[in-house]
């Protein structure tokens, strides 16, 4: 203690910060890559139809009534709307 202040060592603060960090592993790194690949694919699909007034999004959810190329249901399953290809 320094006066009325509590002083923590830098080492203690670093250890405390580590408690809240998720350390990288091979599996976590792979999961991150897969997520980034999905994000890129979603962005590409949405960009592909962005200028097409017949589409709301390239990919969306089952709760969205706009036309799309594919959508995710509540179970996380991907569904392709092949009839939507007519509007490309």
N, C-alpha and C. Protein backbone atom coordinates (compact mmCIF):
# COMPACT_ATOMS: atom_id res chain seq x y z
N UNK A 1 0.84 -1.17 0.00
CA UNK A 1 0.00 0.00 0.00
C UNK A 1 0.88 1.24 0.00
N UNK A 2 0.46 2.21 -0.72
CA UNK A 2 1.18 3.47 -0.80
C UNK A 2 0.18 4.56 -0.43
N UNK A 3 0.28 5.05 0.79
CA UNK A 3 -0.72 5.99 1.29
C UNK A 3 -2.05 5.28 1.40
N UNK A 4 -3.08 5.84 0.77
CA UNK A 4 -4.40 5.21 0.75
C UNK A 4 -4.63 4.39 -0.52
N UNK A 5 -3.61 4.21 -1.32
CA UNK A 5 -3.73 3.49 -2.59
C UNK A 5 -3.12 2.10 -2.49
N UNK A 6 -3.78 1.16 -3.11
CA UNK A 6 -3.24 -0.18 -3.22
C UNK A 6 -2.41 -0.24 -4.49
N UNK A 7 -1.21 -0.77 -4.40
CA UNK A 7 -0.32 -0.85 -5.55
C UNK A 7 -0.12 -2.32 -5.91
N UNK A 8 -0.33 -2.64 -7.17
CA UNK A 8 -0.14 -4.01 -7.66
C UNK A 8 1.14 -4.06 -8.48
N UNK A 9 1.82 -5.17 -8.39
CA UNK A 9 3.03 -5.31 -9.20
C UNK A 9 2.64 -5.56 -10.65
N UNK A 10 3.54 -5.22 -11.54
CA UNK A 10 3.31 -5.44 -12.96
C UNK A 10 3.14 -6.94 -13.22
N UNK A 11 3.94 -7.76 -12.56
CA UNK A 11 3.86 -9.21 -12.74
C UNK A 11 2.48 -9.73 -12.33
N UNK A 12 1.96 -9.25 -11.22
CA UNK A 12 0.62 -9.68 -10.77
C UNK A 12 -0.43 -9.26 -11.80
N UNK A 13 -0.33 -8.03 -12.30
CA UNK A 13 -1.29 -7.53 -13.28
C UNK A 13 -1.24 -8.35 -14.57
N UNK A 14 -0.04 -8.73 -14.99
CA UNK A 14 0.10 -9.55 -16.20
C UNK A 14 -0.51 -10.93 -16.00
N UNK A 15 -0.27 -11.53 -14.82
CA UNK A 15 -0.86 -12.85 -14.53
C UNK A 15 -2.37 -12.75 -14.49
N UNK A 16 -2.89 -11.68 -13.91
CA UNK A 16 -4.34 -11.49 -13.83
C UNK A 16 -4.93 -11.34 -15.24
N UNK A 17 -4.26 -10.60 -16.09
CA UNK A 17 -4.72 -10.42 -17.46
C UNK A 17 -4.74 -11.75 -18.21
N UNK A 18 -3.76 -12.61 -17.93
CA UNK A 18 -3.70 -13.92 -18.58
C UNK A 18 -4.90 -14.79 -18.21
N UNK A 19 -5.47 -14.59 -17.04
CA UNK A 19 -6.63 -15.38 -16.62
C UNK A 19 -7.82 -15.17 -17.55
N UNK A 20 -7.89 -14.03 -18.19
CA UNK A 20 -9.02 -13.69 -19.04
C UNK A 20 -8.71 -13.87 -20.53
N UNK A 21 -7.51 -14.33 -20.83
CA UNK A 21 -7.12 -14.55 -22.22
C UNK A 21 -7.29 -16.03 -22.57
N UNK A 22 -7.76 -16.28 -23.75
CA UNK A 22 -7.86 -17.65 -24.25
C UNK A 22 -6.60 -17.90 -25.06
N UNK A 23 -5.75 -18.77 -24.57
CA UNK A 23 -4.49 -19.01 -25.25
C UNK A 23 -4.71 -19.79 -26.54
N UNK A 24 -3.93 -19.47 -27.56
CA UNK A 24 -4.10 -20.15 -28.85
C UNK A 24 -3.65 -21.61 -28.78
N UNK A 25 -4.39 -22.45 -29.46
CA UNK A 25 -4.02 -23.85 -29.66
C UNK A 25 -4.18 -24.14 -31.14
N UNK A 26 -3.74 -25.29 -31.57
CA UNK A 26 -3.90 -25.65 -32.98
C UNK A 26 -5.38 -25.69 -33.35
N UNK A 27 -6.20 -26.28 -32.49
CA UNK A 27 -7.64 -26.38 -32.77
C UNK A 27 -8.29 -25.00 -32.79
N UNK A 28 -7.92 -24.13 -31.87
CA UNK A 28 -8.51 -22.79 -31.83
C UNK A 28 -8.09 -21.97 -33.04
N UNK A 29 -6.85 -22.13 -33.46
CA UNK A 29 -6.37 -21.44 -34.65
C UNK A 29 -7.11 -21.94 -35.88
N UNK A 30 -7.33 -23.25 -35.96
CA UNK A 30 -8.07 -23.83 -37.08
C UNK A 30 -9.52 -23.32 -37.08
N UNK A 31 -10.15 -23.29 -35.90
CA UNK A 31 -11.53 -22.79 -35.79
C UNK A 31 -11.61 -21.33 -36.25
N UNK A 32 -10.64 -20.54 -35.87
CA UNK A 32 -10.60 -19.14 -36.28
C UNK A 32 -10.49 -19.02 -37.80
N UNK A 33 -9.65 -19.85 -38.41
CA UNK A 33 -9.51 -19.83 -39.87
C UNK A 33 -10.82 -20.22 -40.54
N UNK A 34 -11.50 -21.25 -40.02
CA UNK A 34 -12.77 -21.67 -40.60
C UNK A 34 -13.82 -20.56 -40.50
N UNK A 35 -13.88 -19.90 -39.35
CA UNK A 35 -14.83 -18.80 -39.16
C UNK A 35 -14.51 -17.67 -40.14
N UNK A 36 -13.24 -17.35 -40.29
CA UNK A 36 -12.86 -16.28 -41.23
C UNK A 36 -13.20 -16.66 -42.66
N UNK A 37 -13.05 -17.95 -43.01
CA UNK A 37 -13.44 -18.41 -44.35
C UNK A 37 -14.95 -18.24 -44.56
N UNK A 38 -15.74 -18.55 -43.54
CA UNK A 38 -17.20 -18.39 -43.63
C UNK A 38 -17.55 -16.91 -43.79
N UNK A 39 -16.92 -16.06 -42.99
CA UNK A 39 -17.18 -14.62 -43.09
C UNK A 39 -16.87 -14.11 -44.50
N UNK A 40 -15.75 -14.56 -45.05
CA UNK A 40 -15.37 -14.13 -46.40
C UNK A 40 -16.39 -14.62 -47.43
N UNK A 41 -16.84 -15.86 -47.30
CA UNK A 41 -17.83 -16.40 -48.23
C UNK A 41 -19.15 -15.63 -48.13
N UNK A 42 -19.57 -15.31 -46.91
CA UNK A 42 -20.80 -14.54 -46.71
C UNK A 42 -20.66 -13.16 -47.36
N UNK A 43 -19.55 -12.50 -47.11
CA UNK A 43 -19.32 -11.18 -47.70
C UNK A 43 -19.32 -11.26 -49.22
N UNK A 44 -18.71 -12.31 -49.77
CA UNK A 44 -18.67 -12.47 -51.23
C UNK A 44 -20.07 -12.71 -51.81
N UNK A 45 -20.87 -13.55 -51.16
CA UNK A 45 -22.24 -13.80 -51.63
C UNK A 45 -23.07 -12.53 -51.57
N UNK A 46 -22.98 -11.82 -50.46
CA UNK A 46 -23.76 -10.59 -50.32
C UNK A 46 -23.32 -9.53 -51.33
N UNK A 47 -22.01 -9.43 -51.56
CA UNK A 47 -21.50 -8.47 -52.54
C UNK A 47 -21.93 -8.86 -53.96
N UNK A 48 -22.00 -10.16 -54.23
CA UNK A 48 -22.37 -10.65 -55.55
C UNK A 48 -23.76 -10.17 -55.96
N UNK A 49 -24.70 -10.10 -55.02
CA UNK A 49 -26.07 -9.70 -55.35
C UNK A 49 -26.40 -8.28 -54.91
N UNK A 50 -25.43 -7.57 -54.38
CA UNK A 50 -25.68 -6.24 -53.80
C UNK A 50 -26.33 -5.27 -54.79
N UNK A 51 -25.95 -5.32 -56.04
CA UNK A 51 -26.49 -4.38 -57.04
C UNK A 51 -27.70 -4.94 -57.78
N UNK A 52 -28.14 -6.11 -57.38
CA UNK A 52 -29.29 -6.75 -58.03
C UNK A 52 -30.55 -6.45 -57.22
N UNK A 53 -31.49 -5.66 -57.75
CA UNK A 53 -32.68 -5.28 -56.99
C UNK A 53 -33.61 -6.46 -56.68
N UNK A 54 -33.37 -7.60 -57.31
CA UNK A 54 -34.22 -8.78 -57.06
C UNK A 54 -33.83 -9.51 -55.78
N UNK A 55 -32.69 -9.15 -55.20
CA UNK A 55 -32.20 -9.85 -54.02
C UNK A 55 -32.12 -8.93 -52.81
N UNK A 56 -32.39 -9.51 -51.66
CA UNK A 56 -32.18 -8.80 -50.41
C UNK A 56 -30.76 -8.99 -49.94
N UNK A 57 -30.31 -10.25 -49.96
CA UNK A 57 -28.96 -10.62 -49.55
C UNK A 57 -28.56 -11.85 -50.35
N UNK A 58 -27.27 -12.16 -50.32
CA UNK A 58 -26.81 -13.39 -50.93
C UNK A 58 -27.09 -14.58 -50.02
N UNK A 59 -26.91 -14.35 -48.73
CA UNK A 59 -27.20 -15.35 -47.71
C UNK A 59 -27.88 -14.65 -46.55
N UNK A 60 -28.87 -15.31 -45.98
CA UNK A 60 -29.60 -14.73 -44.86
C UNK A 60 -30.12 -15.86 -43.97
N UNK A 61 -31.10 -15.57 -43.14
CA UNK A 61 -31.67 -16.58 -42.24
C UNK A 61 -33.08 -16.94 -42.69
N UNK A 62 -33.62 -17.96 -42.08
CA UNK A 62 -34.98 -18.40 -42.42
C UNK A 62 -36.02 -17.37 -41.98
N UNK A 63 -35.64 -16.42 -41.15
CA UNK A 63 -36.57 -15.40 -40.65
C UNK A 63 -36.66 -14.18 -41.57
N UNK A 64 -35.84 -14.17 -42.60
CA UNK A 64 -35.79 -13.05 -43.54
C UNK A 64 -36.56 -13.46 -44.79
N UNK A 65 -37.55 -12.68 -45.16
CA UNK A 65 -38.40 -13.05 -46.30
C UNK A 65 -37.85 -12.55 -47.64
N UNK A 66 -36.73 -11.85 -47.62
CA UNK A 66 -36.17 -11.35 -48.87
C UNK A 66 -35.54 -12.50 -49.67
N UNK A 67 -35.50 -12.32 -50.98
CA UNK A 67 -34.89 -13.34 -51.85
C UNK A 67 -33.39 -13.40 -51.58
N UNK A 68 -32.86 -14.61 -51.60
CA UNK A 68 -31.44 -14.83 -51.37
C UNK A 68 -31.00 -16.08 -52.13
N UNK A 69 -29.70 -16.29 -52.22
CA UNK A 69 -29.17 -17.49 -52.87
C UNK A 69 -29.17 -18.68 -51.92
N UNK A 70 -28.95 -18.42 -50.65
CA UNK A 70 -29.00 -19.49 -49.66
C UNK A 70 -29.34 -18.89 -48.30
N UNK A 71 -29.79 -19.76 -47.40
CA UNK A 71 -30.21 -19.29 -46.08
C UNK A 71 -29.93 -20.36 -45.04
N UNK A 72 -29.80 -19.89 -43.80
CA UNK A 72 -29.57 -20.78 -42.66
C UNK A 72 -30.87 -20.93 -41.88
N UNK A 73 -31.17 -22.17 -41.49
CA UNK A 73 -32.35 -22.39 -40.66
C UNK A 73 -31.97 -22.34 -39.18
N UNK A 74 -32.95 -22.54 -38.32
CA UNK A 74 -32.72 -22.45 -36.87
C UNK A 74 -31.80 -23.56 -36.35
N UNK A 75 -31.60 -24.60 -37.14
CA UNK A 75 -30.73 -25.70 -36.74
C UNK A 75 -29.30 -25.51 -37.26
N UNK A 76 -29.07 -24.40 -37.96
CA UNK A 76 -27.75 -24.14 -38.52
C UNK A 76 -27.48 -24.83 -39.84
N UNK A 77 -28.54 -25.36 -40.46
CA UNK A 77 -28.40 -26.02 -41.76
C UNK A 77 -28.47 -24.99 -42.88
N UNK A 78 -27.64 -25.17 -43.88
CA UNK A 78 -27.61 -24.28 -45.03
C UNK A 78 -28.51 -24.83 -46.12
N UNK A 79 -29.35 -23.96 -46.69
CA UNK A 79 -30.27 -24.33 -47.75
C UNK A 79 -30.01 -23.44 -48.96
N UNK A 80 -29.87 -24.05 -50.11
CA UNK A 80 -29.66 -23.31 -51.34
C UNK A 80 -31.00 -23.10 -52.03
N UNK A 81 -31.27 -21.88 -52.46
CA UNK A 81 -32.51 -21.58 -53.17
C UNK A 81 -32.21 -21.55 -54.67
N UNK A 82 -32.27 -22.71 -55.29
CA UNK A 82 -31.90 -22.83 -56.70
C UNK A 82 -32.83 -22.03 -57.60
N UNK A 83 -34.08 -21.83 -57.19
CA UNK A 83 -35.00 -21.04 -58.01
C UNK A 83 -34.56 -19.58 -58.09
N UNK A 84 -33.81 -19.12 -57.09
CA UNK A 84 -33.35 -17.73 -57.08
C UNK A 84 -32.33 -17.46 -58.19
N UNK A 85 -31.70 -18.50 -58.70
CA UNK A 85 -30.71 -18.33 -59.76
C UNK A 85 -31.34 -17.71 -61.01
N UNK A 86 -32.64 -17.88 -61.15
CA UNK A 86 -33.35 -17.30 -62.29
C UNK A 86 -33.20 -15.78 -62.34
N UNK A 87 -32.99 -15.16 -61.18
CA UNK A 87 -32.94 -13.71 -61.09
C UNK A 87 -31.52 -13.15 -61.21
N UNK A 88 -30.57 -14.02 -61.48
CA UNK A 88 -29.17 -13.57 -61.65
C UNK A 88 -28.96 -13.22 -63.10
